[in-house]
Protein backbone atom coordinates (compact mmCIF):
# COMPACT_ATOMS: atom_id res chain seq x y z
CA MET A 1 -2.02 -13.88 -5.10
CA VAL A 2 -1.26 -11.13 -7.58
CA GLU A 3 -1.30 -11.84 -11.31
CA LYS A 4 1.64 -11.00 -13.54
CA ASN A 5 2.00 -7.25 -14.16
CA GLN A 6 -0.74 -6.63 -11.59
CA HIS A 7 0.12 -4.51 -8.57
CA ILE A 8 -1.69 -3.70 -5.36
CA ILE A 9 -0.93 -0.13 -4.40
CA SER A 10 -1.83 1.13 -0.94
CA VAL A 11 -2.35 4.88 -0.87
CA THR A 12 -2.87 6.63 2.45
CA VAL A 13 -4.65 9.96 1.97
CA GLU A 14 -6.25 12.80 3.88
CA ASN A 15 -9.92 11.93 4.40
CA ARG A 16 -11.34 14.93 2.52
CA SER A 17 -13.97 15.54 -0.09
CA GLY A 18 -12.71 15.21 -3.67
CA VAL A 19 -9.55 13.16 -2.96
CA LEU A 20 -10.97 9.99 -4.52
CA ALA A 21 -12.06 11.93 -7.62
CA ARG A 22 -8.61 13.51 -8.00
CA ILE A 23 -6.85 10.15 -7.75
CA ALA A 24 -9.26 8.42 -10.13
CA GLY A 25 -8.87 11.37 -12.50
CA LEU A 26 -5.09 11.03 -12.38
CA PHE A 27 -5.36 7.42 -13.59
CA SER A 28 -7.98 8.27 -16.21
CA ALA A 29 -6.06 11.25 -17.62
CA ARG A 30 -3.03 9.05 -18.26
CA GLY A 31 -5.01 6.15 -19.70
CA TYR A 32 -4.26 3.75 -16.83
CA ASN A 33 -7.07 1.35 -16.02
CA ILE A 34 -7.90 0.53 -12.41
CA ASP A 35 -8.73 -3.19 -12.02
CA SER A 36 -10.18 -2.63 -8.55
CA LEU A 37 -10.43 0.18 -6.05
CA ALA A 38 -11.48 0.08 -2.41
CA VAL A 39 -11.32 3.05 -0.07
CA ALA A 40 -12.34 3.58 3.55
CA GLU A 41 -11.48 5.45 6.70
CA THR A 42 -8.56 4.07 8.77
CA GLU A 43 -8.12 3.87 12.54
CA ASP A 44 -7.68 7.66 12.30
CA PRO A 45 -10.92 9.26 11.01
CA THR A 46 -8.93 12.03 9.27
CA VAL A 47 -7.09 9.47 7.11
CA SER A 48 -8.35 7.01 4.47
CA ARG A 49 -6.57 4.10 2.83
CA MET A 50 -7.08 3.23 -0.80
CA SER A 51 -6.27 -0.21 -2.17
CA ILE A 52 -5.78 0.16 -5.92
CA VAL A 53 -5.11 -2.80 -8.20
CA VAL A 54 -3.50 -1.81 -11.52
CA ARG A 55 -1.64 -3.50 -14.34
CA GLY A 56 1.58 -2.21 -15.77
CA ASP A 57 5.28 -2.61 -16.19
CA GLU A 58 7.87 -0.90 -14.00
CA LYS A 59 7.90 2.22 -16.18
CA ILE A 60 4.14 2.72 -15.87
CA LEU A 61 4.23 2.03 -12.12
CA GLU A 62 7.04 4.52 -11.62
CA GLN A 63 4.88 7.17 -13.35
CA ILE A 64 1.90 6.26 -11.17
CA TYR A 65 3.98 6.61 -7.97
CA LYS A 66 5.42 9.96 -9.07
CA GLN A 67 1.99 11.35 -9.98
CA LEU A 68 0.36 10.10 -6.78
CA ASN A 69 3.13 11.55 -4.61
CA LYS A 70 2.62 14.97 -6.25
CA LEU A 71 -0.96 15.17 -4.96
CA ILE A 72 -1.21 17.30 -1.84
CA ASP A 73 -3.65 14.99 -0.01
CA VAL A 74 -1.49 11.88 -0.47
CA ILE A 75 0.37 10.87 2.70
CA LYS A 76 2.02 7.62 1.59
CA VAL A 77 2.18 5.39 -1.51
CA GLN A 78 3.26 1.77 -1.12
CA ASP A 79 3.35 -1.12 -3.62
CA LEU A 80 2.33 -4.12 -1.54
CA THR A 81 2.95 -6.57 -4.37
CA SER A 82 6.61 -7.08 -3.55
CA GLU A 83 6.02 -7.10 0.22
CA GLU A 84 4.65 -9.91 2.35
CA HIS A 85 0.98 -9.04 2.59
CA ILE A 86 -2.49 -10.38 3.22
CA GLU A 87 -5.19 -9.69 0.66
CA ARG A 88 -8.90 -10.38 0.68
CA GLU A 89 -12.00 -9.71 -1.38
CA LEU A 90 -15.67 -9.83 -0.40
CA VAL A 91 -18.17 -11.27 -2.89
CA LEU A 92 -21.94 -11.55 -2.76
CA LEU A 93 -23.39 -14.15 -5.16
CA LYS A 94 -27.07 -14.68 -5.85
CA VAL A 95 -27.43 -18.22 -7.22
CA ASN A 96 -30.42 -19.99 -8.80
CA THR A 97 -31.92 -22.78 -6.71
CA ALA A 98 -34.52 -24.58 -8.81
CA ASN A 99 -35.07 -27.47 -6.37
CA SER A 100 -34.02 -28.81 -2.96
CA ASN A 101 -31.32 -31.10 -4.42
CA ILE A 102 -29.56 -28.11 -5.95
CA ARG A 103 -29.98 -26.16 -2.71
CA ASN A 104 -28.36 -28.98 -0.73
CA GLU A 105 -25.45 -29.16 -3.17
CA ILE A 106 -24.91 -25.39 -2.96
CA VAL A 107 -25.07 -25.48 0.86
CA GLN A 108 -22.37 -28.18 0.88
CA LEU A 109 -20.11 -26.06 -1.35
CA VAL A 110 -20.76 -22.99 0.81
CA ASN A 111 -19.59 -24.96 3.85
CA ILE A 112 -16.49 -26.28 2.07
CA PHE A 113 -15.49 -22.72 1.11
CA ARG A 114 -16.30 -21.41 4.62
CA ALA A 115 -18.73 -18.98 3.05
CA LYS A 116 -22.13 -17.95 4.47
CA ILE A 117 -25.66 -17.97 3.16
CA VAL A 118 -26.92 -14.48 3.97
CA ASP A 119 -30.33 -14.58 2.26
CA VAL A 120 -32.74 -17.32 1.26
CA GLY A 121 -35.40 -16.76 -1.37
CA ARG A 122 -37.82 -19.11 -3.11
CA LYS A 123 -35.69 -19.32 -6.23
CA SER A 124 -32.27 -18.22 -5.04
CA LEU A 125 -29.65 -18.19 -2.30
CA THR A 126 -27.35 -15.27 -1.65
CA ILE A 127 -23.86 -16.28 -0.59
CA GLU A 128 -21.21 -14.16 1.12
CA LEU A 129 -17.61 -15.19 0.55
CA VAL A 130 -14.45 -13.55 1.85
CA GLY A 131 -11.11 -14.82 0.63
CA SER A 132 -8.09 -14.61 -1.59
CA ARG A 133 -8.56 -14.11 -5.32
CA PRO A 134 -7.99 -17.82 -6.17
CA LYS A 135 -10.59 -18.86 -3.59
CA VAL A 136 -13.10 -16.30 -4.87
CA GLU A 137 -12.53 -17.29 -8.51
CA ALA A 138 -12.90 -21.00 -7.68
CA MET A 139 -16.23 -20.40 -5.92
CA ILE A 140 -17.54 -18.26 -8.76
CA ASP A 141 -16.56 -20.92 -11.31
CA LEU A 142 -18.40 -23.60 -9.33
CA MET A 143 -21.51 -21.45 -8.91
CA LYS A 144 -21.68 -20.74 -12.67
CA GLY A 145 -22.90 -24.34 -13.07
CA PHE A 146 -25.98 -23.52 -10.99
CA GLY A 147 -26.61 -20.18 -12.66
CA ILE A 148 -25.46 -16.94 -11.12
CA LYS A 149 -28.29 -14.39 -11.09
CA GLU A 150 -26.22 -11.54 -9.73
CA ILE A 151 -22.74 -10.88 -8.40
CA THR A 152 -21.09 -7.97 -6.65
CA ARG A 153 -17.47 -7.68 -5.51
CA THR A 154 -15.60 -5.24 -3.30
CA GLY A 155 -12.32 -5.46 -5.13
CA ARG A 156 -9.19 -6.56 -3.34
CA ILE A 157 -7.87 -4.98 -0.19
CA ALA A 158 -4.46 -5.69 1.28
CA ILE A 159 -2.28 -4.98 4.28
CA CYS A 160 1.41 -5.70 4.96
CA ARG A 161 2.29 -8.51 7.28
CA GLU A 162 4.11 -7.59 10.48
CA ALA A 163 7.88 -7.45 9.96
CA GLY A 164 9.85 -9.99 11.95
CA LYS A 165 6.72 -11.97 12.76
CA GLU A 166 7.36 -15.05 14.89
CA LYS A 167 6.41 -18.38 13.39
């Protein structure tokens, strides 16, 4: 679920050194903040896909599209916000576990959210959660009550749904 004025832009680029820096520099030079950025190789090792989450009105977005399309390494720019799409984010949370009662409560919540415990320490559990932004935010809010020691997030990634998909 995308917040108001927030857009998920998918940018397909040549998988070459310096492309990420040029695109980030484009945003920085114009004073546009990137809320999240994820980039990785696609099914074709010569091509990467960037998922960029930005805020802005239509005028700002139009400028972003024009500037991105001017870059030589950019293959395709697509705003997924207005298209049917699937989006996910990966989060790792390290949560305080002072006693076994708290541990049991956290384990129950992990199961409810279909998350995973990926590391167990004497004083903490590390939880892996993959989901939509509302799901991720809900889990983080619940874990704050136990005390979050550390958190890391991938940022959101998205892909268009198949057109004409059968139901």
